[in-house]
Protein backbone atom coordinates (compact mmCIF):
# COMPACT_ATOMS: atom_id res chain seq x y z
CA MET A 1 40.72 130.99 353.74
CA ASN A 2 38.59 131.92 350.66
CA ILE A 3 35.99 130.03 348.71
CA ARG A 4 35.25 131.04 345.22
CA PRO A 5 34.34 129.66 341.70
CA VAL A 6 37.24 128.32 339.93
CA THR A 7 38.51 130.40 336.82
CA LYS A 8 40.30 129.53 333.75
CA ASN A 9 43.55 131.00 335.48
CA ASP A 10 43.46 128.31 337.95
CA PHE A 11 43.87 125.42 335.73
CA ASN A 12 47.40 124.58 336.84
CA GLU A 13 46.57 124.53 340.57
CA TRP A 14 43.36 122.94 340.09
CA LEU A 15 44.98 120.06 338.09
CA GLN A 16 47.28 119.44 340.97
CA LEU A 17 44.38 119.12 343.42
CA TRP A 18 42.28 116.99 340.69
CA LYS A 19 45.35 114.59 340.42
CA GLY A 20 45.58 114.41 344.12
CA TYR A 21 41.96 113.45 344.20
CA GLN A 22 42.76 110.72 341.70
CA VAL A 23 45.71 109.05 343.40
CA PHE A 24 43.32 109.08 346.80
CA TYR A 25 40.62 107.14 344.92
CA LYS A 26 43.24 105.04 342.96
CA ALA A 27 41.66 106.41 339.73
CA THR A 28 43.13 107.51 336.20
CA ILE A 29 41.02 109.82 334.42
CA SER A 30 42.21 110.60 330.89
CA ASP A 31 43.85 114.20 329.80
CA GLU A 32 40.64 114.50 327.26
CA ILE A 33 38.13 114.15 329.96
CA THR A 34 40.21 116.37 332.50
CA LYS A 35 40.09 119.08 329.84
CA THR A 36 36.62 118.78 329.16
CA THR A 37 35.52 118.67 332.68
CA PHE A 38 37.59 121.87 333.23
CA ASP A 39 36.09 123.55 330.29
CA ARG A 40 32.68 122.93 331.46
CA PHE A 41 33.27 124.63 334.45
CA GLN A 42 33.88 127.82 332.47
CA ASP A 43 30.60 127.33 330.26
CA ALA A 44 27.62 129.14 331.71
CA ARG A 45 25.42 126.42 329.79
CA GLU A 46 26.87 123.73 331.57
CA PRO A 47 25.02 122.73 334.97
CA VAL A 48 28.58 121.40 336.39
CA TYR A 49 30.38 123.59 338.83
CA CYS A 50 33.64 123.85 340.91
CA LEU A 51 34.43 125.83 343.93
CA VAL A 52 37.92 125.99 345.35
CA ILE A 53 39.27 127.10 348.67
CA GLU A 54 42.48 129.32 348.72
CA ASN A 55 44.79 129.92 351.77
CA GLN A 56 46.02 133.42 352.57
CA GLU A 57 48.91 133.05 349.96
CA LYS A 58 45.97 132.67 347.27
CA GLN A 59 46.99 129.03 346.79
CA LEU A 60 44.40 126.53 346.06
CA ILE A 61 44.22 123.82 348.85
CA GLY A 62 40.89 122.06 348.18
CA LEU A 63 38.02 121.71 345.43
CA VAL A 64 34.62 120.47 345.24
CA HIS A 65 32.85 119.77 341.94
CA TYR A 66 28.69 119.58 341.95
CA LEU A 67 25.96 119.62 339.33
CA PHE A 68 22.44 120.27 339.36
CA HIS A 69 20.01 117.88 337.68
CA ARG A 70 16.33 117.01 337.18
CA SER A 71 14.56 114.61 339.28
CA THR A 72 11.30 112.38 338.89
CA TRP A 73 10.62 112.63 342.68
CA THR A 74 10.59 116.67 342.95
CA ILE A 75 9.81 119.63 340.65
CA GLU A 76 13.15 121.23 341.99
CA ASN A 77 16.48 119.87 340.96
CA TYR A 78 18.79 118.04 342.81
CA CYS A 79 22.32 118.84 343.45
CA TYR A 80 25.07 115.93 343.39
CA LEU A 81 28.37 116.61 345.23
CA GLN A 82 30.59 114.74 342.68
CA ASP A 83 34.16 115.25 343.96
CA LEU A 84 35.53 116.82 347.22
CA TYR A 85 39.04 117.08 347.72
CA VAL A 86 41.54 118.84 350.30
CA ASP A 87 45.26 118.78 350.06
CA PRO A 88 46.27 116.12 352.60
CA LYS A 89 48.53 118.87 354.57
CA HIS A 90 45.20 120.72 355.38
CA ARG A 91 43.18 118.06 356.25
CA ALA A 92 41.14 117.52 359.62
CA SER A 93 40.82 121.63 359.77
CA GLY A 94 37.20 122.14 358.70
CA LEU A 95 37.96 122.85 355.25
CA GLY A 96 36.07 119.89 353.82
CA ARG A 97 33.08 121.17 355.86
CA LYS A 98 33.43 124.55 354.50
CA LEU A 99 33.22 123.34 351.07
CA ILE A 100 30.30 121.15 351.49
CA GLU A 101 28.55 123.98 353.18
CA ALA A 102 29.30 126.17 350.27
CA VAL A 103 27.83 123.61 347.93
CA TYR A 104 24.65 123.48 350.47
CA ALA A 105 24.28 127.38 350.01
CA GLU A 106 24.65 127.12 346.12
CA ALA A 107 22.01 124.54 346.09
CA GLU A 108 19.48 126.57 348.26
CA LYS A 109 20.40 129.60 346.20
CA ASN A 110 19.38 127.46 343.12
CA HIS A 111 16.25 126.07 344.72
CA CYS A 112 17.36 122.62 344.80
CA SER A 113 15.50 119.98 346.99
CA ARG A 114 18.71 118.15 348.18
CA VAL A 115 22.33 117.81 348.14
CA TYR A 116 23.74 114.14 347.77
CA TRP A 117 26.96 112.23 347.42
CA LEU A 118 28.79 108.99 347.60
CA THR A 119 31.79 108.10 349.31
CA GLN A 120 33.68 104.93 349.68
CA GLU A 121 32.50 102.79 352.51
CA ASN A 122 36.04 102.55 354.03
CA ASN A 123 36.66 106.37 353.80
CA ASP A 124 36.33 106.73 357.57
CA GLN A 125 37.69 110.18 358.22
CA ALA A 126 35.44 111.67 355.65
CA ARG A 127 32.47 109.63 356.91
CA MET A 128 32.87 110.91 360.58
CA LEU A 129 32.31 114.50 358.94
CA TYR A 130 29.43 113.23 356.54
CA ASP A 131 27.62 111.72 359.63
CA ARG A 132 27.66 115.13 361.32
CA ILE A 133 26.47 117.21 358.58
CA ALA A 134 23.99 114.76 356.53
CA ASP A 135 22.04 111.80 356.76
CA GLN A 136 23.22 108.29 355.42
CA THR A 137 20.30 107.10 353.27
CA GLY A 138 20.94 103.44 353.48
CA PHE A 139 20.68 103.04 349.68
CA ILE A 140 23.24 101.15 347.93
CA GLN A 141 24.62 102.13 344.47
CA TYR A 142 24.75 99.70 341.30
CA ARG A 143 26.45 100.56 338.25
CA LYS A 144 26.99 99.07 334.77
CA LEU A 145 29.74 100.70 332.74
CA PHE A 146 29.85 101.39 329.03
CA LYS A 147 32.83 101.68 326.78
């Protein structure tokens, strides 16, 4: 297994994983947003990143998206792990953990003071992993959507 940054040549395989992630969360993200998101991964001026994990045949089997942002609580940036997805055929094999640890390494390399993420309350399988590798904060998320 190899973890590496996504490249422009990975678009079609990345897209299949991205669509699988949306199915898992019962979400639909427009083609425009999808294209913009992928383009941002290729733009060095953008603080949003994607790592992929590939199997021995060099097929993509997982992804993680993360971004760095400022905080009013620290001088250092925070790292928000926004999306994590492993193909269902490869789950429960440690790949999710490897992707998270790769983000930890990138955050440390970039002098972030923390990595954080959200998950659905009922995402029990993922939460078993998260409870082993991070601390649950007890915060509740609120949001207001704008069109």
